[in-house]
């Protein structure tokens, strides 16, 4: 299938990649970051600022901080649209300037906007589910952020962690499956949300070993950014965003 035919097809073919392919995507994502560090850092700083605001506003409410911070993984594919546009511009040999990427969603605002709304709804449902899990295990008083972080390593907190991981894992896998290539595809081809989501789900199902590695890589890199008091997101978020563009290029013909 030629590139022109693939772009014209409403349901493009998906490729099968090796389990180690995500490591190549990360390397290419870091190369994009190095090629245009200033606009990439701008987006990374925005992610870090969001983390700081959440931590400050909900300092005494660990349940809210936990649900919103973990919710970052759910809405991240939409928030990284500008980073995909930067990688796209570099791929085309165009200047990787910040300004044109700030409204990169505009040519396909309907599809990308609806998809962003879907992710926002999933985030709200996850936030409610997260609070329910907290309420079940903390019946008397919700812990503070500092107290909760100290309890994570406690064996007495194991049941809560397992329950929280199972509920959160369901939402994470759901969003991961429908967003592996969705937004980059809508940005690049102008496709509607249904075609993009179905293509993403097909790419996910056809590459389960690679998707497992890719999912772990995303969690590890972004978690490292969180662990460094959100400062690490200045680099971690852009690298993952750029790498996601290369994942789309590798998975969709």
C-alpha atoms as a PDB file:
ATOM      1  CA  UNK A   1       0.000   0.000   0.000  1.00  0.00           C
ATOM      2  CA  UNK A   2       1.410   3.358  -0.983  1.00  0.00           C
ATOM      3  CA  UNK A   3       1.562   6.247   1.427  1.00  0.00           C
ATOM      4  CA  UNK A   4      -1.039   8.105  -0.644  1.00  0.00           C
ATOM      5  CA  UNK A   5      -3.464   5.166  -0.548  1.00  0.00           C
ATOM      6  CA  UNK A   6      -2.913   4.730   3.186  1.00  0.00           C
ATOM      7  CA  UNK A   7      -3.694   8.376   3.826  1.00  0.00           C
ATOM      8  CA  UNK A   8      -6.866   8.103   1.730  1.00  0.00           C
ATOM      9  CA  UNK A   9      -8.097   4.917   3.360  1.00  0.00           C
ATOM     10  CA  UNK A  10     -10.625   5.430   6.167  1.00  0.00           C
ATOM     11  CA  UNK A  11      -9.190   2.438   8.023  1.00  0.00           C
ATOM     12  CA  UNK A  12      -5.422   2.314   7.482  1.00  0.00           C
ATOM     13  CA  UNK A  13      -3.480  -0.877   8.007  1.00  0.00           C
ATOM     14  CA  UNK A  14      -1.498  -1.314  11.190  1.00  0.00           C
ATOM     15  CA  UNK A  15       1.968  -2.784  11.427  1.00  0.00           C
ATOM     16  CA  UNK A  16       3.354  -5.377  13.804  1.00  0.00           C
ATOM     17  CA  UNK A  17       6.524  -4.306  15.606  1.00  0.00           C
ATOM     18  CA  UNK A  18       8.964  -6.065  17.885  1.00  0.00           C
ATOM     19  CA  UNK A  19       8.792  -5.839  21.666  1.00  0.00           C
ATOM     20  CA  UNK A  20      11.929  -3.695  21.658  1.00  0.00           C
ATOM     21  CA  UNK A  21      10.489  -1.091  19.268  1.00  0.00           C
ATOM     22  CA  UNK A  22       9.406   1.277  22.102  1.00  0.00           C
ATOM     23  CA  UNK A  23      13.058   1.758  23.021  1.00  0.00           C
ATOM     24  CA  UNK A  24      13.665   3.094  19.501  1.00  0.00           C
ATOM     25  CA  UNK A  25      10.679   5.428  19.891  1.00  0.00           C
ATOM     26  CA  UNK A  26      12.151   6.773  23.115  1.00  0.00           C
ATOM     27  CA  UNK A  27      15.521   7.339  21.445  1.00  0.00           C
ATOM     28  CA  UNK A  28      13.870   9.200  18.567  1.00  0.00           C
ATOM     29  CA  UNK A  29      11.760  11.168  21.010  1.00  0.00           C
ATOM     30  CA  UNK A  30      14.865  12.262  22.872  1.00  0.00           C
ATOM     31  CA  UNK A  31      16.480  13.179  19.555  1.00  0.00           C
ATOM     32  CA  UNK A  32      13.492  15.425  18.797  1.00  0.00           C
ATOM     33  CA  UNK A  33      13.826  16.988  22.239  1.00  0.00           C
ATOM     34  CA  UNK A  34      17.493  17.758  21.609  1.00  0.00           C
ATOM     35  CA  UNK A  35      16.735  19.114  18.142  1.00  0.00           C
ATOM     36  CA  UNK A  36      14.242  21.705  19.431  1.00  0.00           C
ATOM     37  CA  UNK A  37      14.738  21.965  23.212  1.00  0.00           C
ATOM     38  CA  UNK A  38      13.177  25.386  23.837  1.00  0.00           C
ATOM     39  CA  UNK A  39       9.646  24.702  22.515  1.00  0.00           C
ATOM     40  CA  UNK A  40       9.771  21.213  24.022  1.00  0.00           C
ATOM     41  CA  UNK A  41      10.771  22.589  27.417  1.00  0.00           C
ATOM     42  CA  UNK A  42       7.880  25.060  27.207  1.00  0.00           C
ATOM     43  CA  UNK A  43       5.403  22.196  27.081  1.00  0.00           C
ATOM     44  CA  UNK A  44       7.312  20.275  29.735  1.00  0.00           C
ATOM     45  CA  UNK A  45       7.240  23.321  32.022  1.00  0.00           C
ATOM     46  CA  UNK A  46       3.462  23.531  31.574  1.00  0.00           C
ATOM     47  CA  UNK A  47       3.119  19.924  32.737  1.00  0.00           C
ATOM     48  CA  UNK A  48       5.407  20.584  35.710  1.00  0.00           C
ATOM     49  CA  UNK A  49       3.407  23.697  36.624  1.00  0.00           C
ATOM     50  CA  UNK A  50       0.187  21.684  36.629  1.00  0.00           C
ATOM     51  CA  UNK A  51       1.771  19.188  38.993  1.00  0.00           C
ATOM     52  CA  UNK A  52       2.936  21.913  41.364  1.00  0.00           C
ATOM     53  CA  UNK A  53      -0.488  23.555  41.399  1.00  0.00           C
ATOM     54  CA  UNK A  54      -2.192  20.255  42.206  1.00  0.00           C
ATOM     55  CA  UNK A  55       0.274  19.530  45.007  1.00  0.00           C
ATOM     56  CA  UNK A  56      -0.097  23.012  46.524  1.00  0.00           C
ATOM     57  CA  UNK A  57      -3.878  23.357  46.236  1.00  0.00           C
ATOM     58  CA  UNK A  58      -4.594  19.870  47.590  1.00  0.00           C
ATOM     59  CA  UNK A  59      -1.671  19.632  50.006  1.00  0.00           C
ATOM     60  CA  UNK A  60      -3.882  18.266  52.790  1.00  0.00           C
ATOM     61  CA  UNK A  61      -5.964  15.966  50.582  1.00  0.00           C
ATOM     62  CA  UNK A  62      -3.933  13.003  49.394  1.00  0.00           C
ATOM     63  CA  UNK A  63      -6.971  11.459  47.706  1.00  0.00           C
ATOM     64  CA  UNK A  64      -7.335  14.406  45.335  1.00  0.00           C
ATOM     65  CA  UNK A  65      -3.607  14.656  44.645  1.00  0.00           C
ATOM     66  CA  UNK A  66      -3.395  10.939  43.909  1.00  0.00           C
ATOM     67  CA  UNK A  67      -6.417  10.870  41.585  1.00  0.00           C
ATOM     68  CA  UNK A  68      -5.374  13.997  39.666  1.00  0.00           C
ATOM     69  CA  UNK A  69      -1.695  13.087  39.368  1.00  0.00           C
ATOM     70  CA  UNK A  70      -2.467   9.569  38.177  1.00  0.00           C
ATOM     71  CA  UNK A  71      -5.157  11.080  35.972  1.00  0.00           C
ATOM     72  CA  UNK A  72      -2.329  12.795  34.120  1.00  0.00           C
ATOM     73  CA  UNK A  73      -1.696   9.470  32.392  1.00  0.00           C
ATOM     74  CA  UNK A  74      -5.307   9.471  31.167  1.00  0.00           C
ATOM     75  CA  UNK A  75      -5.421  12.943  29.592  1.00  0.00           C
ATOM     76  CA  UNK A  76      -1.727  13.148  28.685  1.00  0.00           C
ATOM     77  CA  UNK A  77      -2.272  11.875  25.093  1.00  0.00           C
ATOM     78  CA  UNK A  78      -4.501  14.910  24.424  1.00  0.00           C
ATOM     79  CA  UNK A  79      -2.374  17.465  26.274  1.00  0.00           C
ATOM     80  CA  UNK A  80       0.704  16.475  24.248  1.00  0.00           C
ATOM     81  CA  UNK A  81      -0.788  17.580  20.901  1.00  0.00           C
ATOM     82  CA  UNK A  82       1.723  20.422  20.560  1.00  0.00           C
ATOM     83  CA  UNK A  83       4.597  18.004  21.050  1.00  0.00           C
ATOM     84  CA  UNK A  84       3.299  15.776  18.266  1.00  0.00           C
ATOM     85  CA  UNK A  85       3.154  18.853  16.043  1.00  0.00           C
ATOM     86  CA  UNK A  86       6.784  19.677  16.829  1.00  0.00           C
ATOM     87  CA  UNK A  87       7.887  16.191  15.798  1.00  0.00           C
ATOM     88  CA  UNK A  88       5.748  16.419  12.689  1.00  0.00           C
ATOM     89  CA  UNK A  89       7.347  19.723  11.687  1.00  0.00           C
ATOM     90  CA  UNK A  90      10.834  18.319  12.198  1.00  0.00           C
ATOM     91  CA  UNK A  91       9.934  15.259  10.147  1.00  0.00           C
ATOM     92  CA  UNK A  92       8.772  17.511   7.298  1.00  0.00           C
ATOM     93  CA  UNK A  93      11.909  19.621   7.476  1.00  0.00           C
ATOM     94  CA  UNK A  94       9.958  22.663   8.672  1.00  0.00           C
ATOM     95  CA  UNK A  95      11.235  25.015  11.391  1.00  0.00           C
ATOM     96  CA  UNK A  96      10.292  23.582  14.795  1.00  0.00           C
ATOM     97  CA  UNK A  97       8.829  26.819  16.111  1.00  0.00           C
ATOM     98  CA  UNK A  98       6.542  26.954  19.131  1.00  0.00           C
ATOM     99  CA  UNK A  99       3.865  29.337  17.803  1.00  0.00           C
ATOM    100  CA  UNK A 100       2.466  27.114  14.994  1.00  0.00           C
ATOM    101  CA  UNK A 101       2.104  24.189  17.415  1.00  0.00           C
ATOM    102  CA  UNK A 102       0.026  26.050  20.003  1.00  0.00           C
ATOM    103  CA  UNK A 103      -3.093  25.623  17.879  1.00  0.00           C
ATOM    104  CA  UNK A 104      -2.057  22.536  15.935  1.00  0.00           C
ATOM    105  CA  UNK A 105      -5.423  21.014  16.779  1.00  0.00           C
ATOM    106  CA  UNK A 106      -7.314  23.719  14.846  1.00  0.00           C
ATOM    107  CA  UNK A 107      -7.470  21.981  11.391  1.00  0.00           C
ATOM    108  CA  UNK A 108      -9.226  18.991  13.015  1.00  0.00           C
ATOM    109  CA  UNK A 109     -10.657  20.699  16.086  1.00  0.00           C
ATOM    110  CA  UNK A 110     -13.913  18.717  16.013  1.00  0.00           C
ATOM    111  CA  UNK A 111     -12.378  15.241  16.200  1.00  0.00           C
ATOM    112  CA  UNK A 112      -9.537  16.153  18.559  1.00  0.00           C
ATOM    113  CA  UNK A 113     -11.876  18.196  20.766  1.00  0.00           C
ATOM    114  CA  UNK A 114     -14.394  15.360  21.095  1.00  0.00           C
ATOM    115  CA  UNK A 115     -11.625  12.906  21.901  1.00  0.00           C
ATOM    116  CA  UNK A 116     -10.284  15.293  24.543  1.00  0.00           C
ATOM    117  CA  UNK A 117     -13.785  15.498  26.012  1.00  0.00           C
ATOM    118  CA  UNK A 118     -13.988  11.704  26.151  1.00  0.00           C
ATOM    119  CA  UNK A 119     -10.678  11.564  28.024  1.00  0.00           C
ATOM    120  CA  UNK A 120     -11.913  14.277  30.405  1.00  0.00           C
ATOM    121  CA  UNK A 121     -15.041  12.242  31.175  1.00  0.00           C
ATOM    122  CA  UNK A 122     -12.925   9.152  31.823  1.00  0.00           C
ATOM    123  CA  UNK A 123     -10.735  11.269  34.114  1.00  0.00           C
ATOM    124  CA  UNK A 124     -13.789  12.411  36.091  1.00  0.00           C
ATOM    125  CA  UNK A 125     -15.029   8.820  36.445  1.00  0.00           C
ATOM    126  CA  UNK A 126     -11.556   7.724  37.562  1.00  0.00           C
ATOM    127  CA  UNK A 127     -11.388  10.567  40.089  1.00  0.00           C
ATOM    128  CA  UNK A 128     -14.693   9.433  41.590  1.00  0.00           C
ATOM    129  CA  UNK A 129     -13.585   5.794  41.657  1.00  0.00           C
ATOM    130  CA  UNK A 130     -10.307   6.840  43.274  1.00  0.00           C
ATOM    131  CA  UNK A 131     -12.143   8.705  46.035  1.00  0.00           C
ATOM    132  CA  UNK A 132     -14.370   5.685  46.641  1.00  0.00           C
ATOM    133  CA  UNK A 133     -11.309   3.442  47.123  1.00  0.00           C
ATOM    134  CA  UNK A 134      -9.842   5.970  49.562  1.00  0.00           C
ATOM    135  CA  UNK A 135     -13.147   6.168  51.461  1.00  0.00           C
ATOM    136  CA  UNK A 136     -13.295   2.387  51.806  1.00  0.00           C
ATOM    137  CA  UNK A 137      -9.853   2.145  53.387  1.00  0.00           C
ATOM    138  CA  UNK A 138      -9.707   5.467  55.253  1.00  0.00           C
ATOM    139  CA  UNK A 139     -13.034   5.483  57.057  1.00  0.00           C
ATOM    140  CA  UNK A 140     -12.169   7.956  59.795  1.00  0.00           C
ATOM    141  CA  UNK A 141      -9.942  10.616  58.229  1.00  0.00           C
ATOM    142  CA  UNK A 142      -8.319  11.149  54.861  1.00  0.00           C
ATOM    143  CA  UNK A 143      -4.498  11.226  55.083  1.00  0.00           C
ATOM    144  CA  UNK A 144      -2.414  14.265  54.228  1.00  0.00           C
ATOM    145  CA  UNK A 145      -0.065  14.080  51.258  1.00  0.00           C
ATOM    146  CA  UNK A 146       3.013  13.667  53.470  1.00  0.00           C
ATOM    147  CA  UNK A 147       1.301  11.052  55.640  1.00  0.00           C
ATOM    148  CA  UNK A 148       0.085   9.121  52.617  1.00  0.00           C
ATOM    149  CA  UNK A 149       3.525   9.000  51.010  1.00  0.00           C
ATOM    150  CA  UNK A 150       4.891   7.551  54.230  1.00  0.00           C
ATOM    151  CA  UNK A 151       2.185   4.885  54.312  1.00  0.00           C
ATOM    152  CA  UNK A 152       2.831   3.668  50.779  1.00  0.00           C
ATOM    153  CA  UNK A 153       5.875   1.660  51.884  1.00  0.00           C
ATOM    154  CA  UNK A 154       4.059   0.220  54.889  1.00  0.00           C
ATOM    155  CA  UNK A 155       2.991  -3.471  54.684  1.00  0.00           C
ATOM    156  CA  UNK A 156      -0.211  -2.473  56.491  1.00  0.00           C
ATOM    157  CA  UNK A 157      -1.191  -0.475  53.423  1.00  0.00           C
ATOM    158  CA  UNK A 158      -0.847  -3.372  50.976  1.00  0.00           C
ATOM    159  CA  UNK A 159      -4.576  -4.050  50.565  1.00  0.00           C
ATOM    160  CA  UNK A 160      -5.250  -0.428  49.686  1.00  0.00           C
ATOM    161  CA  UNK A 161      -2.404  -0.365  47.147  1.00  0.00           C
ATOM    162  CA  UNK A 162      -3.637  -3.553  45.462  1.00  0.00           C
ATOM    163  CA  UNK A 163      -7.201  -2.266  45.243  1.00  0.00           C
ATOM    164  CA  UNK A 164      -6.061   1.132  43.984  1.00  0.00           C
ATOM    165  CA  UNK A 165      -3.774  -0.455  41.389  1.00  0.00           C
ATOM    166  CA  UNK A 166      -6.520  -2.760  40.101  1.00  0.00           C
ATOM    167  CA  UNK A 167      -9.084   0.013  39.688  1.00  0.00           C
ATOM    168  CA  UNK A 168      -6.529   2.425  38.237  1.00  0.00           C
ATOM    169  CA  UNK A 169      -5.116  -0.259  35.985  1.00  0.00           C
ATOM    170  CA  UNK A 170      -8.502  -0.792  34.363  1.00  0.00           C
ATOM    171  CA  UNK A 171      -8.798   2.877  33.425  1.00  0.00           C
ATOM    172  CA  UNK A 172      -5.147   3.049  32.347  1.00  0.00           C
ATOM    173  CA  UNK A 173      -5.383   0.074  29.969  1.00  0.00           C
ATOM    174  CA  UNK A 174      -8.655   1.371  28.519  1.00  0.00           C
ATOM    175  CA  UNK A 175      -7.236   4.803  27.744  1.00  0.00           C
ATOM    176  CA  UNK A 176      -3.914   3.392  26.600  1.00  0.00           C
ATOM    177  CA  UNK A 177      -5.621   1.121  24.070  1.00  0.00           C
ATOM    178  CA  UNK A 178      -7.711   3.893  22.499  1.00  0.00           C
ATOM    179  CA  UNK A 179      -5.008   6.571  22.534  1.00  0.00           C
ATOM    180  CA  UNK A 180      -1.773   4.862  21.450  1.00  0.00           C
ATOM    181  CA  UNK A 181      -1.944   6.555  18.053  1.00  0.00           C
ATOM    182  CA  UNK A 182      -5.279   8.406  18.116  1.00  0.00           C
ATOM    183  CA  UNK A 183      -4.285  12.055  18.524  1.00  0.00           C
ATOM    184  CA  UNK A 184      -1.175  11.921  16.298  1.00  0.00           C
ATOM    185  CA  UNK A 185      -3.316  10.264  13.626  1.00  0.00           C
ATOM    186  CA  UNK A 186      -6.059  12.889  13.860  1.00  0.00           C
ATOM    187  CA  UNK A 187      -3.405  15.599  13.739  1.00  0.00           C
ATOM    188  CA  UNK A 188      -1.570  14.092  10.769  1.00  0.00           C
ATOM    189  CA  UNK A 189      -4.405  12.752   8.612  1.00  0.00           C
ATOM    190  CA  UNK A 190      -7.427  14.762   9.694  1.00  0.00           C
ATOM    191  CA  UNK A 191      -9.368  11.565  10.403  1.00  0.00           C
ATOM    192  CA  UNK A 192     -12.402  11.477  12.662  1.00  0.00           C
ATOM    193  CA  UNK A 193     -12.249  10.228  16.212  1.00  0.00           C
ATOM    194  CA  UNK A 194     -13.972   6.898  15.564  1.00  0.00           C
ATOM    195  CA  UNK A 195     -11.480   5.839  12.874  1.00  0.00           C
ATOM    196  CA  UNK A 196      -8.552   7.011  15.020  1.00  0.00           C
ATOM    197  CA  UNK A 197      -9.763   5.147  18.116  1.00  0.00           C
ATOM    198  CA  UNK A 198     -10.474   1.946  16.187  1.00  0.00           C
ATOM    199  CA  UNK A 199      -7.069   2.118  14.510  1.00  0.00           C
ATOM    200  CA  UNK A 200      -5.435   2.657  17.892  1.00  0.00           C
ATOM    201  CA  UNK A 201      -7.267  -0.328  19.385  1.00  0.00           C
ATOM    202  CA  UNK A 202      -6.221  -2.491  16.427  1.00  0.00           C
ATOM    203  CA  UNK A 203      -2.591  -1.388  16.757  1.00  0.00           C
ATOM    204  CA  UNK A 204      -2.747  -2.141  20.477  1.00  0.00           C
ATOM    205  CA  UNK A 205      -4.227  -5.607  19.951  1.00  0.00           C
ATOM    206  CA  UNK A 206      -1.758  -6.511  17.210  1.00  0.00           C
ATOM    207  CA  UNK A 207       1.273  -5.550  19.301  1.00  0.00           C
ATOM    208  CA  UNK A 208       0.600  -6.633  22.874  1.00  0.00           C
ATOM    209  CA  UNK A 209       4.271  -7.367  23.783  1.00  0.00           C
ATOM    210  CA  UNK A 210       5.409  -4.001  22.410  1.00  0.00           C
ATOM    211  CA  UNK A 211       2.465  -2.249  24.074  1.00  0.00           C
ATOM    212  CA  UNK A 212       3.409  -3.789  27.411  1.00  0.00           C
ATOM    213  CA  UNK A 213       6.961  -2.479  27.052  1.00  0.00           C
ATOM    214  CA  UNK A 214       5.702   0.904  25.846  1.00  0.00           C
ATOM    215  CA  UNK A 215       3.252   1.209  28.737  1.00  0.00           C
ATOM    216  CA  UNK A 216       5.925   0.371  31.296  1.00  0.00           C
ATOM    217  CA  UNK A 217       8.318   2.832  29.660  1.00  0.00           C
ATOM    218  CA  UNK A 218       5.741   5.635  29.843  1.00  0.00           C
ATOM    219  CA  UNK A 219       4.986   4.920  33.505  1.00  0.00           C
ATOM    220  CA  UNK A 220       8.668   4.736  34.462  1.00  0.00           C
ATOM    221  CA  UNK A 221       9.675   7.933  32.635  1.00  0.00           C
ATOM    222  CA  UNK A 222       6.699   9.998  33.812  1.00  0.00           C
ATOM    223  CA  UNK A 223       6.904   8.594  37.352  1.00  0.00           C
ATOM    224  CA  UNK A 224      10.559   9.655  37.456  1.00  0.00           C
ATOM    225  CA  UNK A 225       9.402  13.141  36.510  1.00  0.00           C
ATOM    226  CA  UNK A 226       6.895  13.108  39.374  1.00  0.00           C
ATOM    227  CA  UNK A 227       9.463  11.755  41.816  1.00  0.00           C
ATOM    228  CA  UNK A 228      11.759  14.706  41.116  1.00  0.00           C
ATOM    229  CA  UNK A 229       9.147  17.059  42.576  1.00  0.00           C
ATOM    230  CA  UNK A 230       7.586  17.487  39.126  1.00  0.00           C
ATOM    231  CA  UNK A 231      10.747  19.202  37.823  1.00  0.00           C
ATOM    232  CA  UNK A 232      11.597  16.059  35.903  1.00  0.00           C
ATOM    233  CA  UNK A 233       8.436  16.507  33.831  1.00  0.00           C
ATOM    234  CA  UNK A 234      10.170  19.367  32.028  1.00  0.00           C
ATOM    235  CA  UNK A 235      12.138  16.695  30.165  1.00  0.00           C
ATOM    236  CA  UNK A 236      10.114  13.523  30.732  1.00  0.00           C
ATOM    237  CA  UNK A 237       6.802  14.755  29.315  1.00  0.00           C
ATOM    238  CA  UNK A 238       8.268  16.132  26.049  1.00  0.00           C
ATOM    239  CA  UNK A 239      10.339  12.995  25.442  1.00  0.00           C
ATOM    240  CA  UNK A 240       7.259  10.785  25.842  1.00  0.00           C
ATOM    241  CA  UNK A 241       5.214  13.130  23.664  1.00  0.00           C
ATOM    242  CA  UNK A 242       7.762  13.094  20.864  1.00  0.00           C
ATOM    243  CA  UNK A 243       8.201   9.336  21.200  1.00  0.00           C
ATOM    244  CA  UNK A 244       4.437   8.877  20.845  1.00  0.00           C
ATOM    245  CA  UNK A 245       4.611  10.527  17.435  1.00  0.00           C
ATOM    246  CA  UNK A 246       7.227   7.983  16.369  1.00  0.00           C
ATOM    247  CA  UNK A 247       5.080   5.192  17.815  1.00  0.00           C
ATOM    248  CA  UNK A 248       2.267   6.357  15.543  1.00  0.00           C
ATOM    249  CA  UNK A 249       4.596   6.435  12.541  1.00  0.00           C
ATOM    250  CA  UNK A 250       5.813   2.915  13.305  1.00  0.00           C
ATOM    251  CA  UNK A 251       2.403   1.369  13.995  1.00  0.00           C
ATOM    252  CA  UNK A 252       0.210   2.869  11.275  1.00  0.00           C
ATOM    253  CA  UNK A 253       0.912   2.486   7.537  1.00  0.00           C
END
